[in-house]
Amino acid sequence: IILAYHINYIGPFPYKKLANVQSKTRFGGMENAGAIFYAEEKINGLNEQEELLSHEIVHQWFGDMATEKSFAHLWLSEGFATYLTHMYIESKYGTDSLNKEMMIDRDAVIDFVKTSKRPVVDPDPDYMNLLNPNSYQKGSWILHMLRRELGDSVFKKAVRKYYETYSGKNADTKDLQKIFETVSGKELERFFQFWLYTPENLSIALNWRYDLKKKNITLNIEQKQNNTSTLRFPLQIAFITKSGKKVIETVIIDRKIKSFTFPLPEKPLNIIPDPNIFLLSEFFKSEVK
């Protein structure tokens, strides 16, 4: 089932066979081309390693057949293996399962980037240092945001085109960017520059005030990251009212600070930024009394 899903999504399996071998290996799994090795204690017949199996199988395409030009672009292997595994889990168990995975990964990335101060495309000569949340979870999140930005059909077409173009070859992040821009018809330079080459994440402060007389709510949204460039992105915001009603509004953030006012029949009990888990960001929110 796992292999069939990835063949359908990416393209034909690149080798004559796929052997999943229980063996001795330094890591939980090692994606040798056509013969994946798994640590002895990992495979026990209880179907507990579905995500590990998927991750290593994706590497047959991304990492083995289409390989990054240097370790600095390791995310082209690990980010793809991580995110396409999440997509497989979504296809089998539903979007809630995908969102759960992305929230776990978001927390890991936020914690890591606060202390690491390293970009995803990282020339660190100590290759073992690159086996970190930047290459895995943040790489996955970058693909997730591209999917949400471009839409499912265009994203799939771009992934397949990237693999088809660099199958049996080497690529770097700029090569991936060109493919995604060509397929989507969108300029993605600002996106790639911030998420791949800047050693920080998006940080959003949201404060709000409810006007009881006018029955509306005003939001002030500020991008708090230190980088001088301002990102442009859609942000969903959910308002949970006392009656249990959920109202979702989508705003376009294209400046460091931006304000919005929406009609709302009653004061919200809670405000949830990014309720559908589309954005890699740390959120801070407060009510202005």
C-alpha atoms as a PDB file:
ATOM      1  CA  ILE A   1       0.000   0.000   0.000  1.00  0.00           C
ATOM      2  CA  ILE A   2       2.790   2.440   0.921  1.00  0.00           C
ATOM      3  CA  LEU A   3       4.748   1.748  -2.252  1.00  0.00           C
ATOM      4  CA  ALA A   4       1.628   1.972  -4.425  1.00  0.00           C
ATOM      5  CA  TYR A   5       0.736   5.374  -2.983  1.00  0.00           C
ATOM      6  CA  HIS A   6       4.160   6.848  -3.711  1.00  0.00           C
ATOM      7  CA  ILE A   7       4.329   5.361  -7.211  1.00  0.00           C
ATOM      8  CA  ASN A   8       0.979   6.981  -7.964  1.00  0.00           C
ATOM      9  CA  TYR A   9       2.074  10.336  -6.545  1.00  0.00           C
ATOM     10  CA  ILE A  10       5.697  10.621  -7.726  1.00  0.00           C
ATOM     11  CA  GLY A  11       6.113   8.285 -10.689  1.00  0.00           C
ATOM     12  CA  PRO A  12       7.329   4.774 -11.547  1.00  0.00           C
ATOM     13  CA  PHE A  13       9.521   3.038  -8.986  1.00  0.00           C
ATOM     14  CA  PRO A  14      13.116   3.793 -10.034  1.00  0.00           C
ATOM     15  CA  TYR A  15      14.703   0.368  -9.467  1.00  0.00           C
ATOM     16  CA  LYS A  16      14.109  -3.222 -10.555  1.00  0.00           C
ATOM     17  CA  LYS A  17      13.132  -4.314  -7.047  1.00  0.00           C
ATOM     18  CA  LEU A  18      12.554  -3.077  -3.519  1.00  0.00           C
ATOM     19  CA  ALA A  19      13.878  -5.186  -0.648  1.00  0.00           C
ATOM     20  CA  ASN A  20      13.075  -4.207   2.934  1.00  0.00           C
ATOM     21  CA  VAL A  21      15.823  -5.846   4.980  1.00  0.00           C
ATOM     22  CA  GLN A  22      16.017  -6.213   8.756  1.00  0.00           C
ATOM     23  CA  SER A  23      19.670  -5.710   9.461  1.00  0.00           C
ATOM     24  CA  LYS A  24      22.230  -3.918  11.575  1.00  0.00           C
ATOM     25  CA  THR A  25      22.343  -0.215  10.809  1.00  0.00           C
ATOM     26  CA  ARG A  26      23.449   2.893  12.635  1.00  0.00           C
ATOM     27  CA  PHE A  27      20.044   4.538  12.221  1.00  0.00           C
ATOM     28  CA  GLY A  28      16.448   3.336  12.368  1.00  0.00           C
ATOM     29  CA  GLY A  29      16.495   2.943   8.607  1.00  0.00           C
ATOM     30  CA  MET A  30      19.046   3.341   5.826  1.00  0.00           C
ATOM     31  CA  GLU A  31      17.714   3.977   2.321  1.00  0.00           C
ATOM     32  CA  ASN A  32      20.142   1.933   0.209  1.00  0.00           C
ATOM     33  CA  ALA A  33      18.906   1.963  -3.387  1.00  0.00           C
ATOM     34  CA  GLY A  34      16.664  -1.047  -3.938  1.00  0.00           C
ATOM     35  CA  ALA A  35      17.468  -2.572  -0.526  1.00  0.00           C
ATOM     36  CA  ILE A  36      16.456  -0.591   2.555  1.00  0.00           C
ATOM     37  CA  PHE A  37      18.050  -1.666   5.840  1.00  0.00           C
ATOM     38  CA  TYR A  38      16.095  -1.384   9.098  1.00  0.00           C
ATOM     39  CA  ALA A  39      17.515  -1.698  12.604  1.00  0.00           C
ATOM     40  CA  GLU A  40      16.823  -5.106  14.138  1.00  0.00           C
ATOM     41  CA  GLU A  41      14.494  -3.852  16.867  1.00  0.00           C
ATOM     42  CA  LYS A  42      12.432  -1.683  14.504  1.00  0.00           C
ATOM     43  CA  ILE A  43      10.430  -4.277  12.559  1.00  0.00           C
ATOM     44  CA  ASN A  44       8.445  -6.535  14.906  1.00  0.00           C
ATOM     45  CA  GLY A  45       5.391  -7.521  12.878  1.00  0.00           C
ATOM     46  CA  LEU A  46       3.061  -5.223  14.858  1.00  0.00           C
ATOM     47  CA  ASN A  47       2.734  -2.582  12.109  1.00  0.00           C
ATOM     48  CA  GLU A  48       4.254   0.064  14.393  1.00  0.00           C
ATOM     49  CA  GLN A  49       6.717   1.489  11.854  1.00  0.00           C
ATOM     50  CA  GLU A  50       4.430   2.585   9.037  1.00  0.00           C
ATOM     51  CA  GLU A  51       5.931   6.081   8.925  1.00  0.00           C
ATOM     52  CA  LEU A  52       9.504   4.787   9.007  1.00  0.00           C
ATOM     53  CA  LEU A  53       8.768   2.412   6.115  1.00  0.00           C
ATOM     54  CA  SER A  54       7.203   5.229   4.098  1.00  0.00           C
ATOM     55  CA  HIS A  55      10.058   7.640   4.849  1.00  0.00           C
ATOM     56  CA  GLU A  56      12.726   5.224   3.629  1.00  0.00           C
ATOM     57  CA  ILE A  57      10.688   4.221   0.586  1.00  0.00           C
ATOM     58  CA  VAL A  58      10.321   7.871  -0.502  1.00  0.00           C
ATOM     59  CA  HIS A  59      14.117   8.110  -0.406  1.00  0.00           C
ATOM     60  CA  GLN A  60      14.245   5.667  -3.321  1.00  0.00           C
ATOM     61  CA  TRP A  61      13.059   8.614  -5.447  1.00  0.00           C
ATOM     62  CA  PHE A  62      14.357  11.583  -3.463  1.00  0.00           C
ATOM     63  CA  GLY A  63      17.868  10.977  -2.223  1.00  0.00           C
ATOM     64  CA  ASP A  64      18.747   7.875  -4.218  1.00  0.00           C
ATOM     65  CA  MET A  65      17.560   8.509  -7.787  1.00  0.00           C
ATOM     66  CA  ALA A  66      17.282  12.314  -7.635  1.00  0.00           C
ATOM     67  CA  THR A  67      20.156  13.392  -5.391  1.00  0.00           C
ATOM     68  CA  GLU A  68      21.146  16.797  -4.029  1.00  0.00           C
ATOM     69  CA  LYS A  69      24.352  18.322  -5.385  1.00  0.00           C
ATOM     70  CA  SER A  70      25.822  18.710  -1.914  1.00  0.00           C
ATOM     71  CA  PHE A  71      24.955  18.038   1.719  1.00  0.00           C
ATOM     72  CA  ALA A  72      24.045  21.721   2.110  1.00  0.00           C
ATOM     73  CA  HIS A  73      20.811  20.845   0.266  1.00  0.00           C
ATOM     74  CA  LEU A  74      20.041  17.742   2.348  1.00  0.00           C
ATOM     75  CA  TRP A  75      16.459  18.926   2.816  1.00  0.00           C
ATOM     76  CA  LEU A  76      15.795  17.859  -0.796  1.00  0.00           C
ATOM     77  CA  SER A  77      16.094  14.300   0.503  1.00  0.00           C
ATOM     78  CA  GLU A  78      14.892  14.488   4.096  1.00  0.00           C
ATOM     79  CA  GLY A  79      12.229  17.151   3.651  1.00  0.00           C
ATOM     80  CA  PHE A  80      10.623  15.232   0.795  1.00  0.00           C
ATOM     81  CA  ALA A  81      10.789  11.917   2.663  1.00  0.00           C
ATOM     82  CA  THR A  82       9.229  13.519   5.741  1.00  0.00           C
ATOM     83  CA  TYR A  83       6.442  15.419   3.979  1.00  0.00           C
ATOM     84  CA  LEU A  84       5.436  12.757   1.459  1.00  0.00           C
ATOM     85  CA  THR A  85       5.166  10.385   4.406  1.00  0.00           C
ATOM     86  CA  HIS A  86       2.809  12.867   6.084  1.00  0.00           C
ATOM     87  CA  MET A  87       0.811  12.990   2.847  1.00  0.00           C
ATOM     88  CA  TYR A  88       0.616   9.205   2.794  1.00  0.00           C
ATOM     89  CA  ILE A  89      -0.671   9.261   6.385  1.00  0.00           C
ATOM     90  CA  GLU A  90      -3.215  11.909   5.342  1.00  0.00           C
ATOM     91  CA  SER A  91      -4.404   9.760   2.439  1.00  0.00           C
ATOM     92  CA  LYS A  92      -4.944   6.769   4.750  1.00  0.00           C
ATOM     93  CA  TYR A  93      -6.155   8.356   7.993  1.00  0.00           C
ATOM     94  CA  GLY A  94      -7.441  11.820   7.038  1.00  0.00           C
ATOM     95  CA  THR A  95      -6.432  15.480   7.210  1.00  0.00           C
ATOM     96  CA  ASP A  96      -6.634  15.571  11.014  1.00  0.00           C
ATOM     97  CA  SER A  97      -3.746  13.100  11.096  1.00  0.00           C
ATOM     98  CA  LEU A  98      -1.728  15.314   8.750  1.00  0.00           C
ATOM     99  CA  ASN A  99      -2.432  18.366  10.912  1.00  0.00           C
ATOM    100  CA  LYS A 100      -1.325  16.499  14.026  1.00  0.00           C
ATOM    101  CA  GLU A 101       1.981  15.627  12.363  1.00  0.00           C
ATOM    102  CA  MET A 102       2.494  19.201  11.155  1.00  0.00           C
ATOM    103  CA  MET A 103       1.830  20.664  14.617  1.00  0.00           C
ATOM    104  CA  ILE A 104       4.370  18.305  16.187  1.00  0.00           C
ATOM    105  CA  ASP A 105       6.891  19.247  13.508  1.00  0.00           C
ATOM    106  CA  ARG A 106       6.158  22.965  13.900  1.00  0.00           C
ATOM    107  CA  ASP A 107       6.989  22.825  17.601  1.00  0.00           C
ATOM    108  CA  ALA A 108      10.227  20.975  16.856  1.00  0.00           C
ATOM    109  CA  VAL A 109      11.280  23.532  14.235  1.00  0.00           C
ATOM    110  CA  ILE A 110      10.465  26.537  16.431  1.00  0.00           C
ATOM    111  CA  ASP A 111      12.487  25.109  19.321  1.00  0.00           C
ATOM    112  CA  PHE A 112      15.423  24.201  17.088  1.00  0.00           C
ATOM    113  CA  VAL A 113      15.677  27.458  15.148  1.00  0.00           C
ATOM    114  CA  LYS A 114      15.611  29.539  18.337  1.00  0.00           C
ATOM    115  CA  THR A 115      18.958  28.053  19.347  1.00  0.00           C
ATOM    116  CA  SER A 116      20.592  26.918  16.100  1.00  0.00           C
ATOM    117  CA  LYS A 117      20.578  30.150  14.065  1.00  0.00           C
ATOM    118  CA  ARG A 118      21.306  28.106  10.930  1.00  0.00           C
ATOM    119  CA  PRO A 119      19.470  28.238   7.569  1.00  0.00           C
ATOM    120  CA  VAL A 120      17.983  25.152   5.941  1.00  0.00           C
ATOM    121  CA  VAL A 121      20.476  25.383   3.063  1.00  0.00           C
ATOM    122  CA  ASP A 122      23.480  25.017   5.324  1.00  0.00           C
ATOM    123  CA  PRO A 123      27.146  24.748   4.207  1.00  0.00           C
ATOM    124  CA  ASP A 124      28.236  23.296   7.568  1.00  0.00           C
ATOM    125  CA  PRO A 125      31.138  20.927   6.691  1.00  0.00           C
ATOM    126  CA  ASP A 126      30.207  18.576   9.550  1.00  0.00           C
ATOM    127  CA  TYR A 127      27.561  16.580   7.716  1.00  0.00           C
ATOM    128  CA  MET A 128      26.238  14.931  10.873  1.00  0.00           C
ATOM    129  CA  ASN A 129      25.168  18.356  12.127  1.00  0.00           C
ATOM    130  CA  LEU A 130      22.752  18.541   9.202  1.00  0.00           C
ATOM    131  CA  LEU A 131      20.688  15.614  10.497  1.00  0.00           C
ATOM    132  CA  ASN A 132      18.471  18.058  12.352  1.00  0.00           C
ATOM    133  CA  PRO A 133      14.938  19.524  12.315  1.00  0.00           C
ATOM    134  CA  ASN A 134      15.933  22.030   9.608  1.00  0.00           C
ATOM    135  CA  SER A 135      16.548  19.246   7.108  1.00  0.00           C
ATOM    136  CA  TYR A 136      13.628  17.048   8.190  1.00  0.00           C
ATOM    137  CA  GLN A 137      10.734  18.917   9.818  1.00  0.00           C
ATOM    138  CA  LYS A 138      11.374  22.393   8.404  1.00  0.00           C
ATOM    139  CA  GLY A 139      12.041  20.952   4.960  1.00  0.00           C
ATOM    140  CA  SER A 140       8.707  19.167   5.259  1.00  0.00           C
ATOM    141  CA  TRP A 141       6.978  22.368   6.348  1.00  0.00           C
ATOM    142  CA  ILE A 142       8.386  24.268   3.367  1.00  0.00           C
ATOM    143  CA  LEU A 143       6.802  21.715   1.046  1.00  0.00           C
ATOM    144  CA  HIS A 144       3.550  21.883   3.014  1.00  0.00           C
ATOM    145  CA  MET A 145       3.402  25.668   2.602  1.00  0.00           C
ATOM    146  CA  LEU A 146       4.173  25.387  -1.103  1.00  0.00           C
ATOM    147  CA  ARG A 147       1.344  22.883  -1.440  1.00  0.00           C
ATOM    148  CA  ARG A 148      -1.072  25.250   0.307  1.00  0.00           C
ATOM    149  CA  GLU A 149       0.182  28.188  -1.767  1.00  0.00           C
ATOM    150  CA  LEU A 150      -0.025  26.438  -5.141  1.00  0.00           C
ATOM    151  CA  GLY A 151      -2.914  24.033  -4.593  1.00  0.00           C
ATOM    152  CA  ASP A 152      -2.881  20.236  -4.606  1.00  0.00           C
ATOM    153  CA  SER A 153      -2.898  19.626  -8.365  1.00  0.00           C
ATOM    154  CA  VAL A 154      -0.157  22.151  -9.192  1.00  0.00           C
ATOM    155  CA  PHE A 155       1.972  20.966  -6.271  1.00  0.00           C
ATOM    156  CA  LYS A 156       1.737  17.350  -7.409  1.00  0.00           C
ATOM    157  CA  LYS A 157       2.581  18.342 -10.971  1.00  0.00           C
ATOM    158  CA  ALA A 158       5.632  20.286  -9.731  1.00  0.00           C
ATOM    159  CA  VAL A 159       6.859  17.396  -7.567  1.00  0.00           C
ATOM    160  CA  ARG A 160       6.544  14.981 -10.479  1.00  0.00           C
ATOM    161  CA  LYS A 161       8.243  17.426 -12.863  1.00  0.00           C
ATOM    162  CA  TYR A 162      11.134  17.955 -10.441  1.00  0.00           C
ATOM    163  CA  TYR A 163      11.648  14.212 -10.084  1.00  0.00           C
ATOM    164  CA  GLU A 164      11.282  13.573 -13.815  1.00  0.00           C
ATOM    165  CA  THR A 165      13.815  16.335 -14.607  1.00  0.00           C
ATOM    166  CA  TYR A 166      16.454  15.242 -12.104  1.00  0.00           C
ATOM    167  CA  SER A 167      15.952  11.478 -12.066  1.00  0.00           C
ATOM    168  CA  GLY A 168      19.431   9.977 -12.301  1.00  0.00           C
ATOM    169  CA  LYS A 169      20.924  13.442 -11.804  1.00  0.00           C
ATOM    170  CA  ASN A 170      21.826  15.963  -9.119  1.00  0.00           C
ATOM    171  CA  ALA A 171      19.885  19.070  -8.121  1.00  0.00           C
ATOM    172  CA  ASP A 172      20.033  21.896  -5.624  1.00  0.00           C
ATOM    173  CA  THR A 173      17.457  24.223  -4.094  1.00  0.00           C
ATOM    174  CA  LYS A 174      17.628  26.717  -6.971  1.00  0.00           C
ATOM    175  CA  ASP A 175      16.839  23.898  -9.400  1.00  0.00           C
ATOM    176  CA  LEU A 176      13.753  22.981  -7.374  1.00  0.00           C
ATOM    177  CA  GLN A 177      12.689  26.623  -7.235  1.00  0.00           C
ATOM    178  CA  LYS A 178      12.912  26.972 -11.030  1.00  0.00           C
ATOM    179  CA  ILE A 179      10.769  23.878 -11.541  1.00  0.00           C
ATOM    180  CA  PHE A 180       8.101  25.073  -9.099  1.00  0.00           C
ATOM    181  CA  GLU A 181       8.056  28.559 -10.641  1.00  0.00           C
ATOM    182  CA  THR A 182       7.775  27.160 -14.168  1.00  0.00           C
ATOM    183  CA  VAL A 183       4.976  24.748 -13.310  1.00  0.00           C
ATOM    184  CA  SER A 184       2.986  27.205 -11.162  1.00  0.00           C
ATOM    185  CA  GLY A 185       3.642  30.396 -13.133  1.00  0.00           C
ATOM    186  CA  LYS A 186       4.393  32.131  -9.822  1.00  0.00           C
ATOM    187  CA  GLU A 187       7.460  34.053  -8.710  1.00  0.00           C
ATOM    188  CA  LEU A 188       8.731  32.309  -5.570  1.00  0.00           C
ATOM    189  CA  GLU A 189      12.051  34.079  -4.943  1.00  0.00           C
ATOM    190  CA  ARG A 190      10.935  35.819  -1.742  1.00  0.00           C
ATOM    191  CA  PHE A 191       9.448  32.589  -0.382  1.00  0.00           C
ATOM    192  CA  PHE A 192      12.582  30.551  -1.062  1.00  0.00           C
ATOM    193  CA  GLN A 193      14.950  33.259   0.143  1.00  0.00           C
ATOM    194  CA  PHE A 194      13.231  33.549   3.509  1.00  0.00           C
ATOM    195  CA  TRP A 195      12.426  29.917   4.241  1.00  0.00           C
ATOM    196  CA  LEU A 196      15.578  28.278   2.866  1.00  0.00           C
ATOM    197  CA  TYR A 197      18.345  30.824   3.343  1.00  0.00           C
ATOM    198  CA  THR A 198      17.317  32.799   6.436  1.00  0.00           C
ATOM    199  CA  PRO A 199      18.152  31.365   9.881  1.00  0.00           C
ATOM    200  CA  GLU A 200      14.827  32.228  11.486  1.00  0.00           C
ATOM    201  CA  ASN A 201      11.120  31.521  11.282  1.00  0.00           C
ATOM    202  CA  LEU A 202       8.048  33.641  10.892  1.00  0.00           C
ATOM    203  CA  SER A 203       6.810  35.164  14.153  1.00  0.00           C
ATOM    204  CA  ILE A 204       3.383  36.783  14.400  1.00  0.00           C
ATOM    205  CA  ALA A 205       1.954  38.950  17.162  1.00  0.00           C
ATOM    206  CA  LEU A 206      -1.814  39.364  17.070  1.00  0.00           C
ATOM    207  CA  ASN A 207      -3.769  41.685  19.341  1.00  0.00           C
ATOM    208  CA  TRP A 208      -7.474  42.307  19.129  1.00  0.00           C
ATOM    209  CA  ARG A 209     -10.214  44.537  20.445  1.00  0.00           C
ATOM    210  CA  TYR A 210     -13.957  43.858  20.347  1.00  0.00           C
ATOM    211  CA  ASP A 211     -16.334  46.810  19.999  1.00  0.00           C
ATOM    212  CA  LEU A 212     -19.536  45.877  21.815  1.00  0.00           C
ATOM    213  CA  LYS A 213     -21.515  48.775  20.326  1.00  0.00           C
ATOM    214  CA  LYS A 214     -20.456  48.312  16.731  1.00  0.00           C
ATOM    215  CA  LYS A 215     -20.430  44.514  16.972  1.00  0.00           C
ATOM    216  CA  ASN A 216     -17.101  44.216  15.243  1.00  0.00           C
ATOM    217  CA  ILE A 217     -13.571  43.105  16.012  1.00  0.00           C
ATOM    218  CA  THR A 218     -10.324  44.829  15.075  1.00  0.00           C
ATOM    219  CA  LEU A 219      -7.121  42.836  14.667  1.00  0.00           C
ATOM    220  CA  ASN A 220      -3.606  44.223  14.601  1.00  0.00           C
ATOM    221  CA  ILE A 221      -1.139  41.740  13.121  1.00  0.00           C
ATOM    222  CA  GLU A 222       2.618  42.274  13.212  1.00  0.00           C
ATOM    223  CA  GLN A 223       5.453  40.246  11.730  1.00  0.00           C
ATOM    224  CA  LYS A 224       8.033  40.078  14.515  1.00  0.00           C
ATOM    225  CA  GLN A 225      10.920  38.223  12.836  1.00  0.00           C
ATOM    226  CA  ASN A 226      14.211  40.125  12.747  1.00  0.00           C
ATOM    227  CA  ASN A 227      14.704  39.754   9.016  1.00  0.00           C
ATOM    228  CA  THR A 228      14.181  43.074   7.269  1.00  0.00           C
ATOM    229  CA  SER A 229      12.226  41.569   4.385  1.00  0.00           C
ATOM    230  CA  THR A 230       8.475  41.349   4.779  1.00  0.00           C
ATOM    231  CA  LEU A 231       6.738  38.159   3.757  1.00  0.00           C
ATOM    232  CA  ARG A 232       3.435  38.114   1.904  1.00  0.00           C
ATOM    233  CA  PHE A 233       1.082  35.284   2.875  1.00  0.00           C
ATOM    234  CA  PRO A 234      -2.575  34.498   3.588  1.00  0.00           C
ATOM    235  CA  LEU A 235      -3.452  33.957   7.234  1.00  0.00           C
ATOM    236  CA  GLN A 236      -6.614  32.259   8.421  1.00  0.00           C
ATOM    237  CA  ILE A 237      -8.069  33.330  11.765  1.00  0.00           C
ATOM    238  CA  ALA A 238     -10.872  31.487  13.555  1.00  0.00           C
ATOM    239  CA  PHE A 239     -13.184  33.275  16.008  1.00  0.00           C
ATOM    240  CA  ILE A 240     -14.933  30.997  18.503  1.00  0.00           C
ATOM    241  CA  THR A 241     -18.069  32.612  19.919  1.00  0.00           C
ATOM    242  CA  LYS A 242     -19.933  31.933  23.150  1.00  0.00           C
ATOM    243  CA  SER A 243     -22.631  30.081  21.242  1.00  0.00           C
ATOM    244  CA  GLY A 244     -19.972  27.691  19.888  1.00  0.00           C
ATOM    245  CA  LYS A 245     -20.001  29.121  16.392  1.00  0.00           C
ATOM    246  CA  LYS A 246     -16.677  29.181  14.521  1.00  0.00           C
ATOM    247  CA  VAL A 247     -16.142  32.021  12.060  1.00  0.00           C
ATOM    248  CA  ILE A 248     -13.038  31.842   9.873  1.00  0.00           C
ATOM    249  CA  GLU A 249     -11.663  34.877   8.064  1.00  0.00           C
ATOM    250  CA  THR A 250      -8.683  34.935   5.704  1.00  0.00           C
ATOM    251  CA  VAL A 251      -6.477  38.018   5.533  1.00  0.00           C
ATOM    252  CA  ILE A 252      -3.493  38.841   3.336  1.00  0.00           C
ATOM    253  CA  ILE A 253      -0.430  39.906   5.283  1.00  0.00           C
ATOM    254  CA  ASP A 254       1.954  41.918   3.107  1.00  0.00           C
ATOM    255  CA  ARG A 255       3.399  44.465   5.548  1.00  0.00           C
ATOM    256  CA  LYS A 256       5.176  44.315   8.886  1.00  0.00           C
ATOM    257  CA  ILE A 257       2.065  45.672  10.623  1.00  0.00           C
ATOM    258  CA  LYS A 258      -1.471  45.467   9.289  1.00  0.00           C
ATOM    259  CA  SER A 259      -4.945  45.988  10.757  1.00  0.00           C
ATOM    260  CA  PHE A 260      -8.292  44.451   9.860  1.00  0.00           C
ATOM    261  CA  THR A 261     -11.857  44.946  11.099  1.00  0.00           C
ATOM    262  CA  PHE A 262     -14.619  42.336  10.747  1.00  0.00           C
ATOM    263  CA  PRO A 263     -18.264  42.278  11.794  1.00  0.00           C
ATOM    264  CA  LEU A 264     -18.849  39.786  14.602  1.00  0.00           C
ATOM    265  CA  PRO A 265     -22.238  39.492  16.366  1.00  0.00           C
ATOM    266  CA  GLU A 266     -20.705  38.609  19.740  1.00  0.00           C
ATOM    267  CA  LYS A 267     -17.392  38.855  21.513  1.00  0.00           C
ATOM    268  CA  PRO A 268     -15.248  35.787  20.824  1.00  0.00           C
ATOM    269  CA  LEU A 269     -14.295  33.444  23.623  1.00  0.00           C
ATOM    270  CA  ASN A 270     -11.191  32.458  21.729  1.00  0.00           C
ATOM    271  CA  ILE A 271      -9.210  33.437  18.651  1.00  0.00           C
ATOM    272  CA  ILE A 272      -7.185  30.783  16.840  1.00  0.00           C
ATOM    273  CA  PRO A 273      -4.622  31.878  14.253  1.00  0.00           C
ATOM    274  CA  ASP A 274      -3.976  29.367  11.472  1.00  0.00           C
ATOM    275  CA  PRO A 275      -6.730  26.909  12.541  1.00  0.00           C
ATOM    276  CA  ASN A 276      -6.139  24.619   9.558  1.00  0.00           C
ATOM    277  CA  ILE A 277      -2.365  24.416  10.092  1.00  0.00           C
ATOM    278  CA  PHE A 278      -1.118  26.080   6.908  1.00  0.00           C
ATOM    279  CA  LEU A 279       1.711  28.249   8.249  1.00  0.00           C
ATOM    280  CA  LEU A 280       5.051  27.663   9.967  1.00  0.00           C
ATOM    281  CA  SER A 281       5.020  30.411  12.553  1.00  0.00           C
ATOM    282  CA  GLU A 282       5.157  31.128  16.225  1.00  0.00           C
ATOM    283  CA  PHE A 283       2.030  32.996  17.343  1.00  0.00           C
ATOM    284  CA  PHE A 284       1.536  35.454  20.193  1.00  0.00           C
ATOM    285  CA  LYS A 285      -1.944  36.815  20.837  1.00  0.00           C
ATOM    286  CA  SER A 286      -3.495  39.179  23.342  1.00  0.00           C
ATOM    287  CA  GLU A 287      -6.702  41.134  23.891  1.00  0.00           C
ATOM    288  CA  VAL A 288      -6.545  44.922  24.119  1.00  0.00           C
ATOM    289  CA  LYS A 289      -8.841  45.984  26.944  1.00  0.00           C
END
